C-alpha atoms as a PDB file:
ATOM      1  CA  MET A   1     -22.418   6.982  13.799  1.00  0.00           C
ATOM      2  CA  LYS A   2     -23.402   3.653  15.343  1.00  0.00           C
ATOM      3  CA  ILE A   3     -22.857   2.627  18.943  1.00  0.00           C
ATOM      4  CA  GLN A   4     -23.018  -0.961  20.105  1.00  0.00           C
ATOM      5  CA  ILE A   5     -23.191  -2.043  23.743  1.00  0.00           C
ATOM      6  CA  LEU A   6     -21.761  -5.521  24.173  1.00  0.00           C
ATOM      7  CA  GLY A   7     -23.010  -7.579  27.102  1.00  0.00           C
ATOM      8  CA  MET A   8     -25.188 -10.545  27.862  1.00  0.00           C
ATOM      9  CA  GLY A   9     -27.655  -8.810  30.162  1.00  0.00           C
ATOM     10  CA  CYS A  10     -25.807  -8.244  33.438  1.00  0.00           C
ATOM     11  CA  ALA A  11     -26.663  -5.185  35.549  1.00  0.00           C
ATOM     12  CA  LYS A  12     -23.574  -3.260  34.385  1.00  0.00           C
ATOM     13  CA  CYS A  13     -24.379  -4.002  30.747  1.00  0.00           C
ATOM     14  CA  LYS A  14     -27.929  -2.725  31.153  1.00  0.00           C
ATOM     15  CA  ALA A  15     -26.660   0.366  32.978  1.00  0.00           C
ATOM     16  CA  LEU A  16     -24.112   1.131  30.234  1.00  0.00           C
ATOM     17  CA  HIS A  17     -26.881   0.905  27.652  1.00  0.00           C
ATOM     18  CA  LYS A  18     -29.029   3.331  29.674  1.00  0.00           C
ATOM     19  CA  HIS A  19     -26.089   5.727  30.215  1.00  0.00           C
ATOM     20  CA  THR A  20     -25.273   5.642  26.512  1.00  0.00           C
ATOM     21  CA  GLN A  21     -28.850   6.436  25.529  1.00  0.00           C
ATOM     22  CA  LYS A  22     -28.873   9.396  27.942  1.00  0.00           C
ATOM     23  CA  ALA A  23     -25.536  10.646  26.562  1.00  0.00           C
ATOM     24  CA  VAL A  24     -26.839  10.441  22.994  1.00  0.00           C
ATOM     25  CA  GLU A  25     -29.991  12.351  23.976  1.00  0.00           C
ATOM     26  CA  LYS A  26     -27.942  15.075  25.677  1.00  0.00           C
ATOM     27  CA  THR A  27     -25.663  15.568  22.662  1.00  0.00           C
ATOM     28  CA  GLY A  28     -28.596  15.806  20.272  1.00  0.00           C
ATOM     29  CA  LEU A  29     -26.662  13.785  17.706  1.00  0.00           C
ATOM     30  CA  LYS A  30     -28.385  11.285  15.435  1.00  0.00           C
ATOM     31  CA  ILE A  31     -26.750   8.090  16.666  1.00  0.00           C
ATOM     32  CA  GLU A  32     -28.039   4.527  16.492  1.00  0.00           C
ATOM     33  CA  VAL A  33     -27.582   2.599  19.750  1.00  0.00           C
ATOM     34  CA  GLU A  34     -27.713  -1.183  19.542  1.00  0.00           C
ATOM     35  CA  LYS A  35     -27.403  -3.863  22.219  1.00  0.00           C
ATOM     36  CA  VAL A  36     -25.359  -6.919  21.283  1.00  0.00           C
ATOM     37  CA  GLU A  37     -26.172  -9.746  23.680  1.00  0.00           C
ATOM     38  CA  THR A  38     -25.163 -12.998  21.985  1.00  0.00           C
ATOM     39  CA  LEU A  39     -21.815 -14.491  22.906  1.00  0.00           C
ATOM     40  CA  GLU A  40     -21.103 -15.280  19.261  1.00  0.00           C
ATOM     41  CA  GLU A  41     -21.510 -11.637  18.215  1.00  0.00           C
ATOM     42  CA  ILE A  42     -19.575 -10.309  21.211  1.00  0.00           C
ATOM     43  CA  MET A  43     -16.640 -12.615  20.456  1.00  0.00           C
ATOM     44  CA  LYS A  44     -16.402 -11.193  16.919  1.00  0.00           C
ATOM     45  CA  PHE A  45     -15.115  -7.987  18.521  1.00  0.00           C
ATOM     46  CA  GLY A  46     -12.413  -9.849  20.481  1.00  0.00           C
ATOM     47  CA  VAL A  47     -13.917  -8.620  23.747  1.00  0.00           C
ATOM     48  CA  THR A  48     -13.320 -10.784  26.814  1.00  0.00           C
ATOM     49  CA  SER A  49     -14.765  -8.449  29.452  1.00  0.00           C
ATOM     50  CA  THR A  50     -18.175  -6.808  29.376  1.00  0.00           C
ATOM     51  CA  PRO A  51     -19.792  -4.382  29.284  1.00  0.00           C
ATOM     52  CA  ALA A  52     -18.088  -2.988  26.215  1.00  0.00           C
ATOM     53  CA  LEU A  53     -18.698   0.179  24.218  1.00  0.00           C
ATOM     54  CA  VAL A  54     -18.135   0.010  20.469  1.00  0.00           C
ATOM     55  CA  ILE A  55     -18.385   3.024  18.166  1.00  0.00           C
ATOM     56  CA  ASP A  56     -18.444   2.455  14.404  1.00  0.00           C
ATOM     57  CA  GLY A  57     -16.867  -0.978  14.860  1.00  0.00           C
ATOM     58  CA  GLU A  58     -14.033   0.249  17.122  1.00  0.00           C
ATOM     59  CA  VAL A  59     -13.912  -1.084  20.699  1.00  0.00           C
ATOM     60  CA  ILE A  60     -13.643   2.011  22.914  1.00  0.00           C
ATOM     61  CA  SER A  61     -14.056   0.546  26.408  1.00  0.00           C
ATOM     62  CA  THR A  62     -14.306  -2.914  27.989  1.00  0.00           C
ATOM     63  CA  GLY A  63     -15.126  -4.038  31.507  1.00  0.00           C
ATOM     64  CA  LYS A  64     -16.133  -0.560  32.692  1.00  0.00           C
ATOM     65  CA  LEU A  65     -19.415   1.113  33.483  1.00  0.00           C
ATOM     66  CA  LEU A  66     -18.866   4.517  31.924  1.00  0.00           C
ATOM     67  CA  LYS A  67     -20.849   7.447  33.280  1.00  0.00           C
ATOM     68  CA  VAL A  68     -22.934   9.745  31.063  1.00  0.00           C
ATOM     69  CA  PRO A  69     -20.349  12.619  31.056  1.00  0.00           C
ATOM     70  CA  GLN A  70     -17.584  10.192  30.046  1.00  0.00           C
ATOM     71  CA  ILE A  71     -19.648   8.907  27.143  1.00  0.00           C
ATOM     72  CA  ILE A  72     -20.498  12.455  26.029  1.00  0.00           C
ATOM     73  CA  GLU A  73     -16.788  13.305  26.042  1.00  0.00           C
ATOM     74  CA  ILE A  74     -16.039  10.267  23.864  1.00  0.00           C
ATOM     75  CA  LEU A  75     -18.853  11.125  21.433  1.00  0.00           C
ATOM     76  CA  GLU A  76     -17.754  14.741  21.116  1.00  0.00           C
ATOM     77  CA  ALA A  77     -14.196  13.618  20.311  1.00  0.00           C
ATOM     78  CA  LYS A  78     -15.421  11.434  17.419  1.00  0.00           C
END
């Protein structure tokens, strides 16, 4: 599984990245977490509002700062 956090460096984008890393640690799953910060790459996903959470190429959430328990719930459903 691969998670990408889309955002150009705003506070919410950084926080979503941190929350996602904590969620991954708590689940114990082997998941790659990548930050995508260039506008060109973000636009490839069709995202117009950041931060965005992408799992295995599928946009899961945009424009929201998800909390750790919410991210864990999403990961466990995958």
